[in-house]
């Protein structure tokens, strides 16, 4: 019995060269291809979704996020903190319901959840901006190494960040680039007092060292 070779049909794979959403030319770094347009609606969606997930703003699901973006209710992370119940009531109630009801329990819960997540740690704050490879654990390494305030983190050089054990040059470069790209949003959230960063020196265990054996 001789098995005949099976000739499988092959298809040519085309590499995308431009963003399917905004049309911007994609940047190919070898290990990843990405859209550099910070105003790209898809990129904006993912960043705000990351912010909501990192801060654990419950009841603000993906369907609501898509609705507020499609209806131009928000256009940045900062806009989340300007939302009112009236802005999002249309998501929870249809036209017929709106005619009979002036309030929505769902809208109330979302706004309350947003207001309950305005005081966060520096690690959570930075991780929320969806900078590739930068999560809360990686920022914690910097905080523990002495970069324990937003000012210190923004003013640190790549070399200083890269010298932190377990961080490295690639992450340092990525973080500096991400902070620069989001600098306007970062400062607006702080200066407008939409977000307050909790000091890592706060709490009953601040300043104490523990040894587990």
Protein backbone atom coordinates (compact mmCIF):
# COMPACT_ATOMS: atom_id res chain seq x y z
CA UNK A 1 0.00 0.00 0.00
CA UNK A 2 1.49 3.27 -1.13
CA UNK A 3 -0.05 6.42 0.26
CA UNK A 4 -0.26 9.23 -2.23
CA UNK A 5 1.02 12.58 -1.02
CA UNK A 6 -1.70 15.02 -0.14
CA UNK A 7 -1.26 18.40 -1.73
CA UNK A 8 -2.80 21.04 0.48
CA UNK A 9 -3.92 24.27 -1.05
CA UNK A 10 -1.95 27.19 0.27
CA UNK A 11 -2.99 30.79 0.53
CA UNK A 12 -0.81 33.81 0.44
CA UNK A 13 -0.85 35.76 3.70
CA UNK A 14 -1.00 39.52 3.32
CA UNK A 15 0.47 41.67 6.07
CA UNK A 16 -1.63 44.66 7.04
CA UNK A 17 0.07 47.97 6.38
CA UNK A 18 -2.57 50.38 7.64
CA UNK A 19 -5.04 50.46 10.53
CA UNK A 20 -8.43 49.02 9.56
CA UNK A 21 -10.18 51.65 11.72
CA UNK A 22 -8.41 55.00 11.19
CA UNK A 23 -6.25 54.21 8.12
CA UNK A 24 -2.99 55.25 9.79
CA UNK A 25 0.16 53.48 8.57
CA UNK A 26 1.04 50.68 10.98
CA UNK A 27 4.45 50.49 12.65
CA UNK A 28 6.21 47.13 12.42
CA UNK A 29 8.69 46.51 15.24
CA UNK A 30 9.27 42.87 14.33
CA UNK A 31 7.59 41.39 17.39
CA UNK A 32 4.46 43.50 17.05
CA UNK A 33 2.58 45.63 14.55
CA UNK A 34 0.57 48.51 15.97
CA UNK A 35 -1.28 51.71 15.11
CA UNK A 36 0.62 54.79 16.34
CA UNK A 37 -2.40 57.11 16.14
CA UNK A 38 -3.32 57.90 19.76
CA UNK A 39 -6.67 59.27 18.56
CA UNK A 40 -7.64 56.02 16.84
CA UNK A 41 -11.11 55.07 18.12
CA UNK A 42 -10.16 51.40 18.52
CA UNK A 43 -7.04 52.30 20.47
CA UNK A 44 -9.07 54.69 22.60
CA UNK A 45 -11.64 51.96 23.29
CA UNK A 46 -8.97 49.53 24.48
CA UNK A 47 -7.29 52.13 26.70
CA UNK A 48 -10.52 53.14 28.42
CA UNK A 49 -11.51 49.48 28.76
CA UNK A 50 -8.14 48.79 30.42
CA UNK A 51 -8.63 51.74 32.78
CA UNK A 52 -12.06 50.48 33.83
CA UNK A 53 -10.77 46.94 34.37
CA UNK A 54 -7.64 47.94 36.31
CA UNK A 55 -9.63 50.24 38.61
CA UNK A 56 -12.38 47.61 38.84
CA UNK A 57 -15.18 50.08 38.08
CA UNK A 58 -18.03 47.63 38.28
CA UNK A 59 -21.26 47.90 36.25
CA UNK A 60 -19.33 49.81 33.54
CA UNK A 61 -19.32 46.93 31.07
CA UNK A 62 -18.11 46.70 27.49
CA UNK A 63 -21.60 47.30 26.07
CA UNK A 64 -21.95 50.56 28.00
CA UNK A 65 -18.42 51.61 27.03
CA UNK A 66 -19.17 51.08 23.34
CA UNK A 67 -22.43 53.01 23.73
CA UNK A 68 -20.87 56.08 25.39
CA UNK A 69 -18.10 56.16 22.75
CA UNK A 70 -20.50 55.73 19.83
CA UNK A 71 -22.75 58.47 21.24
CA UNK A 72 -19.81 60.83 21.86
CA UNK A 73 -20.43 60.94 25.61
CA UNK A 74 -16.72 60.43 26.33
CA UNK A 75 -13.54 60.82 24.32
CA UNK A 76 -10.89 60.18 26.97
CA UNK A 77 -10.30 58.62 30.37
CA UNK A 78 -10.88 62.04 31.97
CA UNK A 79 -14.35 62.21 30.46
CA UNK A 80 -15.41 59.20 32.54
CA UNK A 81 -15.38 61.47 35.60
CA UNK A 82 -17.60 64.03 33.93
CA UNK A 83 -20.39 61.57 33.21
CA UNK A 84 -23.77 62.11 34.87
CA UNK A 85 -26.80 59.87 35.21
CA UNK A 86 -28.53 61.87 32.48
CA UNK A 87 -25.63 61.14 30.10
CA UNK A 88 -26.03 57.38 30.31
CA UNK A 89 -29.72 56.90 31.14
CA UNK A 90 -30.40 56.35 27.43
CA UNK A 91 -28.35 53.15 27.57
CA UNK A 92 -30.52 51.64 30.30
CA UNK A 93 -33.95 52.88 29.22
CA UNK A 94 -35.56 52.92 25.78
CA UNK A 95 -37.65 55.85 24.52
CA UNK A 96 -40.88 54.43 25.93
CA UNK A 97 -39.33 53.85 29.35
CA UNK A 98 -37.73 57.29 29.36
CA UNK A 99 -41.16 58.84 28.89
CA UNK A 100 -42.39 57.12 32.05
CA UNK A 101 -39.28 57.08 34.22
CA UNK A 102 -36.96 59.90 35.19
CA UNK A 103 -34.38 57.76 36.94
CA UNK A 104 -32.47 54.56 36.23
CA UNK A 105 -31.08 52.27 38.91
CA UNK A 106 -28.47 51.05 36.44
CA UNK A 107 -27.26 54.60 35.72
CA UNK A 108 -27.11 55.37 39.44
CA UNK A 109 -24.97 52.29 40.11
CA UNK A 110 -22.46 53.16 37.37
CA UNK A 111 -21.99 56.76 38.51
CA UNK A 112 -21.67 55.63 42.13
CA UNK A 113 -19.03 53.06 41.14
CA UNK A 114 -17.05 55.72 39.26
CA UNK A 115 -17.10 58.03 42.29
CA UNK A 116 -15.95 55.18 44.53
CA UNK A 117 -12.79 54.69 42.47
CA UNK A 118 -11.16 58.11 42.55
CA UNK A 119 -8.48 57.41 45.18
CA UNK A 120 -6.01 54.83 43.89
CA UNK A 121 -2.39 53.76 44.23
CA UNK A 122 0.36 55.01 41.93
CA UNK A 123 0.79 51.48 40.53
CA UNK A 124 -2.90 51.24 39.64
CA UNK A 125 -2.87 54.73 38.14
CA UNK A 126 0.03 54.04 35.77
CA UNK A 127 -1.15 50.52 34.87
CA UNK A 128 -4.53 51.95 33.87
CA UNK A 129 -3.09 53.75 30.84
CA UNK A 130 -2.63 50.52 28.90
CA UNK A 131 1.10 51.03 28.25
CA UNK A 132 2.28 47.76 26.70
CA UNK A 133 4.02 45.50 29.20
CA UNK A 134 3.44 47.89 32.10
CA UNK A 135 1.21 46.43 34.78
CA UNK A 136 0.75 47.04 38.48
CA UNK A 137 3.47 44.54 39.44
CA UNK A 138 6.09 46.19 37.22
CA UNK A 139 5.26 49.65 38.58
CA UNK A 140 5.43 48.23 42.13
CA UNK A 141 9.09 47.42 41.47
CA UNK A 142 9.75 51.08 40.71
CA UNK A 143 7.77 52.27 43.72
CA UNK A 144 9.71 49.94 46.02
CA UNK A 145 12.97 51.17 44.48
CA UNK A 146 12.17 54.76 45.51
CA UNK A 147 10.13 56.09 42.59
CA UNK A 148 7.18 56.35 44.94
CA UNK A 149 5.49 59.48 43.62
CA UNK A 150 4.16 60.57 40.25
CA UNK A 151 6.66 63.42 40.12
CA UNK A 152 9.62 61.10 40.68
CA UNK A 153 8.33 58.69 38.07
CA UNK A 154 7.77 61.39 35.44
CA UNK A 155 11.19 62.95 36.05
CA UNK A 156 13.15 59.68 36.09
CA UNK A 157 15.45 58.96 33.17
CA UNK A 158 15.42 55.73 31.19
CA UNK A 159 18.79 54.83 32.70
CA UNK A 160 17.49 55.29 36.25
CA UNK A 161 14.41 53.16 35.58
CA UNK A 162 16.41 50.47 33.78
CA UNK A 163 18.74 50.15 36.78
CA UNK A 164 15.89 48.90 38.97
CA UNK A 165 16.21 45.17 39.58
CA UNK A 166 13.75 43.21 37.46
CA UNK A 167 12.77 46.14 35.25
CA UNK A 168 15.30 46.48 32.43
CA UNK A 169 16.02 48.71 29.44
CA UNK A 170 13.11 47.65 27.22
CA UNK A 171 10.46 48.27 29.87
CA UNK A 172 12.15 51.53 30.86
CA UNK A 173 12.01 52.79 27.28
CA UNK A 174 8.41 51.63 26.84
CA UNK A 175 7.32 53.29 30.08
CA UNK A 176 8.98 56.62 29.29
CA UNK A 177 7.41 56.64 25.83
CA UNK A 178 3.99 55.76 27.29
CA UNK A 179 4.19 58.43 29.99
CA UNK A 180 5.13 61.02 27.40
CA UNK A 181 2.27 60.01 25.10
CA UNK A 182 -0.24 60.18 27.97
CA UNK A 183 1.28 63.15 29.80
CA UNK A 184 -1.59 65.52 29.01
CA UNK A 185 -4.19 63.04 30.27
CA UNK A 186 -2.12 62.17 33.35
CA UNK A 187 -1.76 65.80 34.43
CA UNK A 188 -5.40 66.60 33.69
CA UNK A 189 -6.66 63.75 35.87
CA UNK A 190 -4.50 64.93 38.77
CA UNK A 191 -4.92 68.70 38.37
CA UNK A 192 -8.68 68.43 37.94
CA UNK A 193 -8.75 66.29 41.11
CA UNK A 194 -10.66 63.59 39.24
CA UNK A 195 -8.09 61.15 40.65
CA UNK A 196 -6.13 61.25 43.90
CA UNK A 197 -3.05 59.06 44.18
CA UNK A 198 -2.73 57.41 47.58
CA UNK A 199 0.65 57.73 49.22
CA UNK A 200 2.41 54.42 49.80
CA UNK A 201 3.41 55.88 53.16
CA UNK A 202 -0.17 55.84 54.37
CA UNK A 203 -1.65 53.10 56.52
CA UNK A 204 -0.97 51.44 59.86
CA UNK A 205 1.95 49.37 58.47
CA UNK A 206 3.76 52.34 56.87
CA UNK A 207 7.43 52.55 57.76
CA UNK A 208 7.53 49.09 59.31
CA UNK A 209 9.64 46.15 58.15
CA UNK A 210 8.54 42.54 58.54
CA UNK A 211 10.55 39.33 58.48
CA UNK A 212 8.81 35.99 57.87
CA UNK A 213 10.60 32.81 58.91
